[in-house]
């Protein structure tokens, strides 16, 4: 189960990276999908589609993150020192040696 969720999580991460890189950049730095019109979508329609896709992928990514955290929490149960059985009684401290005068 954890392996399946982890694979889905990684695919969502790759999808998020791809969709974010396709979005038009405000500063013109990294946007791959910017440019002239004449495509399948108008620039506003494309922006709305990419924004919604990013939001859906991000929500699914956060969901798989929470699921992975819950699944991983089952493997490491917190233990208290007080709950563990004692194997031996604590050692008695030795008395300090008193120097004998001669």
PDB file of N, CA and C in Angstrom:
ATOM      1  N   UNK A   1       0.827  -1.185   0.000  1.00  0.00           N
ATOM      2  CA  UNK A   1       0.000   0.000   0.000  1.00  0.00           C
ATOM      3  C   UNK A   1       0.880   1.261   0.000  1.00  0.00           C
ATOM      4  N   UNK A   2       1.899   1.245   0.853  1.00  0.00           N
ATOM      5  CA  UNK A   2       2.755   2.424   0.945  1.00  0.00           C
ATOM      6  C   UNK A   2       3.528   2.653  -0.356  1.00  0.00           C
ATOM      7  N   UNK A   3       3.940   1.574  -1.013  1.00  0.00           N
ATOM      8  CA  UNK A   3       4.668   1.702  -2.276  1.00  0.00           C
ATOM      9  C   UNK A   3       3.774   2.318  -3.347  1.00  0.00           C
ATOM     10  N   UNK A   4       2.526   1.889  -3.391  1.00  0.00           N
ATOM     11  CA  UNK A   4       1.577   2.426  -4.372  1.00  0.00           C
ATOM     12  C   UNK A   4       1.359   3.919  -4.147  1.00  0.00           C
ATOM     13  N   UNK A   5       1.141   4.316  -2.895  1.00  0.00           N
ATOM     14  CA  UNK A   5       0.916   5.734  -2.587  1.00  0.00           C
ATOM     15  C   UNK A   5       2.174   6.546  -2.894  1.00  0.00           C
ATOM     16  N   UNK A   6       3.340   5.965  -2.643  1.00  0.00           N
ATOM     17  CA  UNK A   6       4.590   6.660  -2.932  1.00  0.00           C
ATOM     18  C   UNK A   6       4.776   6.880  -4.433  1.00  0.00           C
ATOM     19  N   UNK A   7       4.421   5.881  -5.241  1.00  0.00           N
ATOM     20  CA  UNK A   7       4.518   6.018  -6.703  1.00  0.00           C
ATOM     21  C   UNK A   7       3.544   7.094  -7.192  1.00  0.00           C
ATOM     22  N   UNK A   8       2.330   7.099  -6.668  1.00  0.00           N
ATOM     23  CA  UNK A   8       1.351   8.118  -7.047  1.00  0.00           C
ATOM     24  C   UNK A   8       1.854   9.503  -6.627  1.00  0.00           C
ATOM     25  N   UNK A   9       2.463   9.572  -5.447  1.00  0.00           N
ATOM     26  CA  UNK A   9       3.008  10.828  -4.932  1.00  0.00           C
ATOM     27  C   UNK A   9       4.109  11.368  -5.862  1.00  0.00           C
ATOM     28  N   UNK A  10       4.983  10.501  -6.312  1.00  0.00           N
ATOM     29  CA  UNK A  10       6.059  10.920  -7.215  1.00  0.00           C
ATOM     30  C   UNK A  10       5.511  11.348  -8.576  1.00  0.00           C
ATOM     31  N   UNK A  11       4.503  10.650  -9.075  1.00  0.00           N
ATOM     32  CA  UNK A  11       3.885  11.049 -10.345  1.00  0.00           C
ATOM     33  C   UNK A  11       3.192  12.411 -10.221  1.00  0.00           C
ATOM     34  N   UNK A  12       2.551  12.644  -9.075  1.00  0.00           N
ATOM     35  CA  UNK A  12       1.935  13.952  -8.849  1.00  0.00           C
ATOM     36  C   UNK A  12       2.992  15.053  -8.794  1.00  0.00           C
ATOM     37  N   UNK A  13       4.128  14.761  -8.180  1.00  0.00           N
ATOM     38  CA  UNK A  13       5.204  15.752  -8.108  1.00  0.00           C
ATOM     39  C   UNK A  13       5.718  16.091  -9.504  1.00  0.00           C
ATOM     40  N   UNK A  14       5.924  15.079 -10.328  1.00  0.00           N
ATOM     41  CA  UNK A  14       6.371  15.323 -11.706  1.00  0.00           C
ATOM     42  C   UNK A  14       5.324  16.083 -12.504  1.00  0.00           C
ATOM     43  N   UNK A  15       4.050  15.746 -12.302  1.00  0.00           N
ATOM     44  CA  UNK A  15       2.973  16.467 -12.971  1.00  0.00           C
ATOM     45  C   UNK A  15       2.912  17.920 -12.550  1.00  0.00           C
ATOM     46  N   UNK A  16       3.104  18.178 -11.261  1.00  0.00           N
ATOM     47  CA  UNK A  16       3.124  19.558 -10.773  1.00  0.00           C
ATOM     48  C   UNK A  16       4.264  20.355 -11.394  1.00  0.00           C
ATOM     49  N   UNK A  17       5.419  19.734 -11.473  1.00  0.00           N
ATOM     50  CA  UNK A  17       6.565  20.414 -12.074  1.00  0.00           C
ATOM     51  C   UNK A  17       6.261  20.770 -13.529  1.00  0.00           C
ATOM     52  N   UNK A  18       5.710  19.831 -14.259  1.00  0.00           N
ATOM     53  CA  UNK A  18       5.389  20.076 -15.665  1.00  0.00           C
ATOM     54  C   UNK A  18       4.347  21.158 -15.855  1.00  0.00           C
ATOM     55  N   UNK A  19       3.279  21.119 -15.056  1.00  0.00           N
ATOM     56  CA  UNK A  19       2.207  22.104 -15.200  1.00  0.00           C
ATOM     57  C   UNK A  19       2.690  23.495 -14.794  1.00  0.00           C
ATOM     58  N   UNK A  20       3.506  23.566 -13.760  1.00  0.00           N
ATOM     59  CA  UNK A  20       4.022  24.873 -13.329  1.00  0.00           C
ATOM     60  C   UNK A  20       4.948  25.460 -14.396  1.00  0.00           C
ATOM     61  N   UNK A  21       5.757  24.621 -15.024  1.00  0.00           N
ATOM     62  CA  UNK A  21       6.642  25.126 -16.077  1.00  0.00           C
ATOM     63  C   UNK A  21       5.877  25.542 -17.337  1.00  0.00           C
ATOM     64  N   UNK A  22       4.696  24.980 -17.553  1.00  0.00           N
ATOM     65  CA  UNK A  22       3.894  25.361 -18.718  1.00  0.00           C
ATOM     66  C   UNK A  22       3.195  26.700 -18.535  1.00  0.00           C
ATOM     67  N   UNK A  23       3.031  27.138 -17.299  1.00  0.00           N
ATOM     68  CA  UNK A  23       2.312  28.379 -17.055  1.00  0.00           C
ATOM     69  C   UNK A  23       3.116  29.577 -17.530  1.00  0.00           C
ATOM     70  N   UNK A  24       2.403  30.583 -17.918  1.00  0.00           N
ATOM     71  CA  UNK A  24       3.045  31.791 -18.407  1.00  0.00           C
ATOM     72  C   UNK A  24       3.631  32.551 -17.225  1.00  0.00           C
ATOM     73  N   UNK A  25       4.857  32.927 -17.359  1.00  0.00           N
ATOM     74  CA  UNK A  25       5.554  33.636 -16.290  1.00  0.00           C
ATOM     75  C   UNK A  25       5.249  35.119 -16.370  1.00  0.00           C
ATOM     76  N   UNK A  26       5.053  35.749 -15.206  1.00  0.00           N
ATOM     77  CA  UNK A  26       4.795  37.194 -15.184  1.00  0.00           C
ATOM     78  C   UNK A  26       6.032  37.980 -15.599  1.00  0.00           C
ATOM     79  N   UNK A  27       7.206  37.509 -15.167  1.00  0.00           N
ATOM     80  CA  UNK A  27       8.422  38.226 -15.487  1.00  0.00           C
ATOM     81  C   UNK A  27       9.063  37.776 -16.782  1.00  0.00           C
ATOM     82  N   UNK A  28       8.520  36.770 -17.415  1.00  0.00           N
ATOM     83  CA  UNK A  28       9.071  36.280 -18.662  1.00  0.00           C
ATOM     84  C   UNK A  28      10.325  35.445 -18.484  1.00  0.00           C
ATOM     85  N   UNK A  29      10.528  34.874 -17.305  1.00  0.00           N
ATOM     86  CA  UNK A  29      11.774  34.161 -17.051  1.00  0.00           C
ATOM     87  C   UNK A  29      11.696  32.687 -17.434  1.00  0.00           C
ATOM     88  N   UNK A  30      10.825  31.922 -16.808  1.00  0.00           N
ATOM     89  CA  UNK A  30      10.830  30.481 -17.018  1.00  0.00           C
ATOM     90  C   UNK A  30       9.617  29.942 -17.777  1.00  0.00           C
ATOM     91  N   UNK A  31       8.682  30.756 -18.134  1.00  0.00           N
ATOM     92  CA  UNK A  31       7.462  30.265 -18.758  1.00  0.00           C
ATOM     93  C   UNK A  31       7.724  29.633 -20.113  1.00  0.00           C
ATOM     94  N   UNK A  32       7.426  28.360 -20.250  1.00  0.00           N
ATOM     95  CA  UNK A  32       7.622  27.661 -21.519  1.00  0.00           C
ATOM     96  C   UNK A  32       6.391  27.829 -22.398  1.00  0.00           C
ATOM     97  N   UNK A  33       5.223  27.845 -21.766  1.00  0.00           N
ATOM     98  CA  UNK A  33       3.977  27.851 -22.528  1.00  0.00           C
ATOM     99  C   UNK A  33       3.487  29.210 -22.939  1.00  0.00           C
ATOM    100  N   UNK A  34       4.233  30.269 -22.721  1.00  0.00           N
ATOM    101  CA  UNK A  34       3.801  31.599 -23.117  1.00  0.00           C
ATOM    102  C   UNK A  34       3.912  31.768 -24.620  1.00  0.00           C
ATOM    103  N   UNK A  35       3.565  32.938 -25.096  1.00  0.00           N
ATOM    104  CA  UNK A  35       3.746  33.184 -26.521  1.00  0.00           C
ATOM    105  C   UNK A  35       2.471  33.663 -27.168  1.00  0.00           C
ATOM    106  N   UNK A  36       2.481  33.657 -28.496  1.00  0.00           N
ATOM    107  CA  UNK A  36       1.358  34.182 -29.257  1.00  0.00           C
ATOM    108  C   UNK A  36       0.126  33.315 -29.179  1.00  0.00           C
ATOM    109  N   UNK A  37      -0.970  33.920 -29.667  1.00  0.00           N
ATOM    110  CA  UNK A  37      -2.243  33.207 -29.643  1.00  0.00           C
ATOM    111  C   UNK A  37      -2.366  32.273 -30.832  1.00  0.00           C
ATOM    112  N   UNK A  38      -3.605  31.970 -31.210  1.00  0.00           N
ATOM    113  CA  UNK A  38      -3.840  31.120 -32.355  1.00  0.00           C
ATOM    114  C   UNK A  38      -3.770  29.645 -32.041  1.00  0.00           C
ATOM    115  N   UNK A  39      -3.747  29.299 -30.797  1.00  0.00           N
ATOM    116  CA  UNK A  39      -3.683  27.894 -30.419  1.00  0.00           C
ATOM    117  C   UNK A  39      -5.064  27.340 -30.147  1.00  0.00           C
ATOM    118  N   UNK A  40      -5.107  26.264 -29.437  1.00  0.00           N
ATOM    119  CA  UNK A  40      -6.364  25.610 -29.090  1.00  0.00           C
ATOM    120  C   UNK A  40      -7.146  26.447 -28.087  1.00  0.00           C
ATOM    121  N   UNK A  41      -6.456  27.036 -27.154  1.00  0.00           N
ATOM    122  CA  UNK A  41      -7.098  27.850 -26.126  1.00  0.00           C
ATOM    123  C   UNK A  41      -6.706  29.304 -26.309  1.00  0.00           C
ATOM    124  N   UNK A  42      -7.562  30.178 -25.838  1.00  0.00           N
ATOM    125  CA  UNK A  42      -7.133  31.561 -25.721  1.00  0.00           C
ATOM    126  C   UNK A  42      -6.198  31.642 -24.527  1.00  0.00           C
ATOM    127  N   UNK A  43      -5.473  32.733 -24.384  1.00  0.00           N
ATOM    128  CA  UNK A  43      -4.519  32.812 -23.283  1.00  0.00           C
ATOM    129  C   UNK A  43      -5.236  32.796 -21.938  1.00  0.00           C
ATOM    130  N   UNK A  44      -6.423  33.380 -21.860  1.00  0.00           N
ATOM    131  CA  UNK A  44      -7.176  33.358 -20.606  1.00  0.00           C
ATOM    132  C   UNK A  44      -7.689  31.949 -20.303  1.00  0.00           C
ATOM    133  N   UNK A  45      -8.193  31.262 -21.313  1.00  0.00           N
ATOM    134  CA  UNK A  45      -8.678  29.894 -21.121  1.00  0.00           C
ATOM    135  C   UNK A  45      -7.563  28.948 -20.744  1.00  0.00           C
ATOM    136  N   UNK A  46      -6.400  29.135 -21.353  1.00  0.00           N
ATOM    137  CA  UNK A  46      -5.253  28.300 -21.029  1.00  0.00           C
ATOM    138  C   UNK A  46      -4.797  28.567 -19.602  1.00  0.00           C
ATOM    139  N   UNK A  47      -4.799  29.822 -19.185  1.00  0.00           N
ATOM    140  CA  UNK A  47      -4.386  30.162 -17.828  1.00  0.00           C
ATOM    141  C   UNK A  47      -5.348  29.566 -16.811  1.00  0.00           C
ATOM    142  N   UNK A  48      -6.660  29.621 -17.095  1.00  0.00           N
ATOM    143  CA  UNK A  48      -7.635  29.041 -16.175  1.00  0.00           C
ATOM    144  C   UNK A  48      -7.471  27.530 -16.074  1.00  0.00           C
ATOM    145  N   UNK A  49      -7.240  26.878 -17.206  1.00  0.00           N
ATOM    146  CA  UNK A  49      -7.051  25.427 -17.201  1.00  0.00           C
ATOM    147  C   UNK A  49      -5.796  25.038 -16.424  1.00  0.00           C
ATOM    148  N   UNK A  50      -4.707  25.736 -16.673  1.00  0.00           N
ATOM    149  CA  UNK A  50      -3.471  25.409 -15.976  1.00  0.00           C
ATOM    150  C   UNK A  50      -3.556  25.731 -14.484  1.00  0.00           C
ATOM    151  N   UNK A  51      -4.265  26.794 -14.145  1.00  0.00           N
ATOM    152  CA  UNK A  51      -4.431  27.133 -12.730  1.00  0.00           C
ATOM    153  C   UNK A  51      -5.258  26.079 -12.014  1.00  0.00           C
ATOM    154  N   UNK A  52      -6.328  25.648 -12.636  1.00  0.00           N
ATOM    155  CA  UNK A  52      -7.149  24.593 -12.025  1.00  0.00           C
ATOM    156  C   UNK A  52      -6.390  23.277 -11.925  1.00  0.00           C
ATOM    157  N   UNK A  53      -5.662  22.938 -12.968  1.00  0.00           N
ATOM    158  CA  UNK A  53      -4.874  21.703 -12.955  1.00  0.00           C
ATOM    159  C   UNK A  53      -3.822  21.754 -11.855  1.00  0.00           C
ATOM    160  N   UNK A  54      -3.188  22.907 -11.697  1.00  0.00           N
ATOM    161  CA  UNK A  54      -2.197  23.059 -10.638  1.00  0.00           C
ATOM    162  C   UNK A  54      -2.847  22.903  -9.269  1.00  0.00           C
ATOM    163  N   UNK A  55      -4.011  23.500  -9.080  1.00  0.00           N
ATOM    164  CA  UNK A  55      -4.701  23.404  -7.792  1.00  0.00           C
ATOM    165  C   UNK A  55      -5.114  21.969  -7.483  1.00  0.00           C
ATOM    166  N   UNK A  56      -5.602  21.257  -8.489  1.00  0.00           N
ATOM    167  CA  UNK A  56      -6.025  19.862  -8.281  1.00  0.00           C
ATOM    168  C   UNK A  56      -4.823  18.987  -7.975  1.00  0.00           C
ATOM    169  N   UNK A  57      -3.754  19.150  -8.746  1.00  0.00           N
ATOM    170  CA  UNK A  57      -2.549  18.349  -8.497  1.00  0.00           C
ATOM    171  C   UNK A  57      -1.942  18.660  -7.131  1.00  0.00           C
ATOM    172  N   UNK A  58      -1.952  19.936  -6.745  1.00  0.00           N
ATOM    173  CA  UNK A  58      -1.406  20.320  -5.442  1.00  0.00           C
ATOM    174  C   UNK A  58      -2.241  19.730  -4.305  1.00  0.00           C
ATOM    175  N   UNK A  59      -3.558  19.733  -4.456  1.00  0.00           N
ATOM    176  CA  UNK A  59      -4.425  19.150  -3.434  1.00  0.00           C
ATOM    177  C   UNK A  59      -4.176  17.656  -3.308  1.00  0.00           C
ATOM    178  N   UNK A  60      -4.060  16.967  -4.429  1.00  0.00           N
ATOM    179  CA  UNK A  60      -3.776  15.529  -4.399  1.00  0.00           C
ATOM    180  C   UNK A  60      -2.389  15.259  -3.812  1.00  0.00           C
ATOM    181  N   UNK A  61      -1.421  16.126  -4.116  1.00  0.00           N
ATOM    182  CA  UNK A  61      -0.070  15.976  -3.581  1.00  0.00           C
ATOM    183  C   UNK A  61      -0.073  16.113  -2.060  1.00  0.00           C
ATOM    184  N   UNK A  62      -0.795  17.095  -1.548  1.00  0.00           N
ATOM    185  CA  UNK A  62      -0.888  17.276  -0.101  1.00  0.00           C
ATOM    186  C   UNK A  62      -1.602  16.082   0.526  1.00  0.00           C
ATOM    187  N   UNK A  63      -2.640  15.587  -0.139  1.00  0.00           N
ATOM    188  CA  UNK A  63      -3.354  14.411   0.374  1.00  0.00           C
ATOM    189  C   UNK A  63      -2.462  13.180   0.452  1.00  0.00           C
ATOM    190  N   UNK A  64      -1.682  12.941  -0.595  1.00  0.00           N
ATOM    191  CA  UNK A  64      -0.783  11.781  -0.542  1.00  0.00           C
ATOM    192  C   UNK A  64       0.331  11.991   0.475  1.00  0.00           C
ATOM    193  N   UNK A  65       0.729  13.237   0.702  1.00  0.00           N
ATOM    194  CA  UNK A  65       1.731  13.517   1.741  1.00  0.00           C
ATOM    195  C   UNK A  65       1.195  13.145   3.116  1.00  0.00           C
ATOM    196  N   UNK A  66      -0.052  13.503   3.383  1.00  0.00           N
ATOM    197  CA  UNK A  66      -0.669  13.174   4.669  1.00  0.00           C
ATOM    198  C   UNK A  66      -0.839  11.672   4.812  1.00  0.00           C
ATOM    199  N   UNK A  67      -1.264  11.012   3.746  1.00  0.00           N
ATOM    200  CA  UNK A  67      -1.432   9.552   3.795  1.00  0.00           C
ATOM    201  C   UNK A  67      -0.096   8.870   4.048  1.00  0.00           C
ATOM    202  N   UNK A  68       0.957   9.324   3.377  1.00  0.00           N
ATOM    203  CA  UNK A  68       2.286   8.741   3.601  1.00  0.00           C
ATOM    204  C   UNK A  68       2.769   8.968   5.029  1.00  0.00           C
ATOM    205  N   UNK A  69       2.475  10.138   5.582  1.00  0.00           N
ATOM    206  CA  UNK A  69       2.875  10.416   6.968  1.00  0.00           C
ATOM    207  C   UNK A  69       2.138   9.505   7.936  1.00  0.00           C
ATOM    208  N   UNK A  70       0.868   9.255   7.675  1.00  0.00           N
ATOM    209  CA  UNK A  70       0.086   8.370   8.545  1.00  0.00           C
ATOM    210  C   UNK A  70       0.594   6.934   8.425  1.00  0.00           C
ATOM    211  N   UNK A  71       0.860   6.496   7.195  1.00  0.00           N
ATOM    212  CA  UNK A  71       1.353   5.125   6.998  1.00  0.00           C
ATOM    213  C   UNK A  71       2.736   4.937   7.615  1.00  0.00           C
ATOM    214  N   UNK A  72       3.588   5.931   7.507  1.00  0.00           N
ATOM    215  CA  UNK A  72       4.936   5.818   8.076  1.00  0.00           C
ATOM    216  C   UNK A  72       4.894   5.869   9.594  1.00  0.00           C
ATOM    217  N   UNK A  73       3.904   6.522  10.156  1.00  0.00           N
ATOM    218  CA  UNK A  73       3.790   6.616  11.606  1.00  0.00           C
ATOM    219  C   UNK A  73       3.479   5.285  12.257  1.00  0.00           C
ATOM    220  N   UNK A  74       2.897   4.357  11.528  1.00  0.00           N
ATOM    221  CA  UNK A  74       2.578   3.047  12.083  1.00  0.00           C
ATOM    222  C   UNK A  74       3.801   2.182  12.304  1.00  0.00           C
ATOM    223  N   UNK A  75       4.906   2.483  11.615  1.00  0.00           N
ATOM    224  CA  UNK A  75       6.103   1.666  11.745  1.00  0.00           C
ATOM    225  C   UNK A  75       6.947   2.053  12.954  1.00  0.00           C
ATOM    226  N   UNK A  76       6.902   3.288  13.352  1.00  0.00           N
ATOM    227  CA  UNK A  76       7.718   3.715  14.487  1.00  0.00           C
ATOM    228  C   UNK A  76       6.802   4.191  15.603  1.00  0.00           C
ATOM    229  N   UNK A  77       6.391   3.271  16.432  1.00  0.00           N
ATOM    230  CA  UNK A  77       5.535   3.618  17.549  1.00  0.00           C
ATOM    231  C   UNK A  77       6.389   4.199  18.666  1.00  0.00           C
ATOM    232  N   UNK A  78       5.952   5.265  19.276  1.00  0.00           N
ATOM    233  CA  UNK A  78       6.742   5.843  20.351  1.00  0.00           C
ATOM    234  C   UNK A  78       6.785   4.914  21.560  1.00  0.00           C
ATOM    235  N   UNK A  79       7.942   4.818  22.141  1.00  0.00           N
ATOM    236  CA  UNK A  79       8.106   3.965  23.319  1.00  0.00           C
ATOM    237  C   UNK A  79       8.563   4.821  24.485  1.00  0.00           C
ATOM    238  N   UNK A  80       8.081   4.463  25.621  1.00  0.00           N
ATOM    239  CA  UNK A  80       8.490   5.156  26.823  1.00  0.00           C
ATOM    240  C   UNK A  80       9.433   4.265  27.609  1.00  0.00           C
ATOM    241  N   UNK A  81      10.364   4.859  28.273  1.00  0.00           N
ATOM    242  CA  UNK A  81      11.278   4.087  29.117  1.00  0.00           C
ATOM    243  C   UNK A  81      10.507   3.443  30.258  1.00  0.00           C
ATOM    244  N   UNK A  82       9.467   4.095  30.711  1.00  0.00           N
ATOM    245  CA  UNK A  82       8.695   3.572  31.837  1.00  0.00           C
ATOM    246  C   UNK A  82       7.887   2.337  31.459  1.00  0.00           C
ATOM    247  N   UNK A  83       7.539   2.197  30.178  1.00  0.00           N
ATOM    248  CA  UNK A  83       6.752   1.046  29.736  1.00  0.00           C
ATOM    249  C   UNK A  83       7.591  -0.205  29.532  1.00  0.00           C
ATOM    250  N   UNK A  84       8.886  -0.074  29.408  1.00  0.00           N
ATOM    251  CA  UNK A  84       9.740  -1.225  29.155  1.00  0.00           C
ATOM    252  C   UNK A  84      10.007  -1.965  30.463  1.00  0.00           C
ATOM    253  N   UNK A  85       9.966  -3.306  30.402  1.00  0.00           N
ATOM    254  CA  UNK A  85      10.258  -4.065  31.624  1.00  0.00           C
ATOM    255  C   UNK A  85      11.733  -3.927  31.999  1.00  0.00           C
ATOM    256  N   UNK A  86      11.953  -3.872  33.276  1.00  0.00           N
ATOM    257  CA  UNK A  86      13.310  -3.724  33.773  1.00  0.00           C
ATOM    258  C   UNK A  86      13.980  -5.088  33.805  1.00  0.00           C
ATOM    259  N   UNK A  87      15.165  -5.202  33.203  1.00  0.00           N
ATOM    260  CA  UNK A  87      15.862  -6.487  33.161  1.00  0.00           C
ATOM    261  C   UNK A  87      16.633  -6.744  34.443  1.00  0.00           C
ATOM    262  N   UNK A  88      17.060  -5.707  35.115  1.00  0.00           N
ATOM    263  CA  UNK A  88      17.781  -5.889  36.373  1.00  0.00           C
ATOM    264  C   UNK A  88      17.550  -4.676  37.244  1.00  0.00           C
ATOM    265  N   UNK A  89      17.747  -4.883  38.523  1.00  0.00           N
ATOM    266  CA  UNK A  89      17.586  -3.782  39.461  1.00  0.00           C
ATOM    267  C   UNK A  89      18.735  -2.800  39.268  1.00  0.00           C
ATOM    268  N   UNK A  90      18.490  -1.552  39.503  1.00  0.00           N
ATOM    269  CA  UNK A  90      19.580  -0.590  39.341  1.00  0.00           C
ATOM    270  C   UNK A  90      20.706  -0.879  40.327  1.00  0.00           C
ATOM    271  N   UNK A  91      21.898  -0.665  39.882  1.00  0.00           N
ATOM    272  CA  UNK A  91      23.064  -0.951  40.713  1.00  0.00           C
ATOM    273  C   UNK A  91      23.138   0.050  41.852  1.00  0.00           C
ATOM    274  N   UNK A  92      23.514  -0.462  43.025  1.00  0.00           N
ATOM    275  CA  UNK A  92      23.685   0.398  44.188  1.00  0.00           C
ATOM    276  C   UNK A  92      24.996   1.147  44.053  1.00  0.00           C
ATOM    277  N   UNK A  93      24.986   2.430  44.323  1.00  0.00           N
ATOM    278  CA  UNK A  93      26.251   3.154  44.220  1.00  0.00           C
ATOM    279  C   UNK A  93      27.226   2.685  45.316  1.00  0.00           C
ATOM    280  N   UNK A  94      28.453   2.544  44.944  1.00  0.00           N
ATOM    281  CA  UNK A  94      29.451   2.103  45.934  1.00  0.00           C
ATOM    282  C   UNK A  94      29.804   3.274  46.834  1.00  0.00           C
ATOM    283  N   UNK A  95      30.161   2.913  48.067  1.00  0.00           N
ATOM    284  CA  UNK A  95      30.531   3.944  49.027  1.00  0.00           C
ATOM    285  C   UNK A  95      31.950   4.403  48.729  1.00  0.00           C
ATOM    286  N   UNK A  96      32.176   5.667  48.908  1.00  0.00           N
ATOM    287  CA  UNK A  96      33.520   6.152  48.638  1.00  0.00           C
ATOM    288  C   UNK A  96      34.524   5.542  49.628  1.00  0.00           C
ATOM    289  N   UNK A  97      35.675   5.267  49.090  1.00  0.00           N
ATOM    290  CA  UNK A  97      36.720   4.682  49.944  1.00  0.00           C
ATOM    291  C   UNK A  97      37.259   5.764  50.869  1.00  0.00           C
ATOM    292  N   UNK A  98      37.355   5.381  52.131  1.00  0.00           N
ATOM    293  CA  UNK A  98      37.888   6.302  53.124  1.00  0.00           C
ATOM    294  C   UNK A  98      39.368   6.029  53.267  1.00  0.00           C
ATOM    295  N   UNK A  99      40.202   7.023  53.099  1.00  0.00           N
ATOM    296  CA  UNK A  99      41.626   6.764  53.229  1.00  0.00           C
ATOM    297  C   UNK A  99      41.986   6.420  54.679  1.00  0.00           C
ATOM    298  N   UNK A 100      42.746   5.386  54.816  1.00  0.00           N
ATOM    299  CA  UNK A 100      43.176   4.974  56.135  1.00  0.00           C
ATOM    300  C   UNK A 100      44.523   5.623  56.436  1.00  0.00           C
ATOM    301  N   UNK A 101      44.600   6.253  57.556  1.00  0.00           N
ATOM    302  CA  UNK A 101      45.859   6.887  57.909  1.00  0.00           C
ATOM    303  C   UNK A 101      46.802   5.875  58.523  1.00  0.00           C
ATOM    304  N   UNK A 102      48.036   5.959  58.245  1.00  0.00           N
ATOM    305  CA  UNK A 102      49.007   4.989  58.774  1.00  0.00           C
ATOM    306  C   UNK A 102      50.026   5.605  59.636  1.00  0.00           C
TER     307      UNK A 102
END
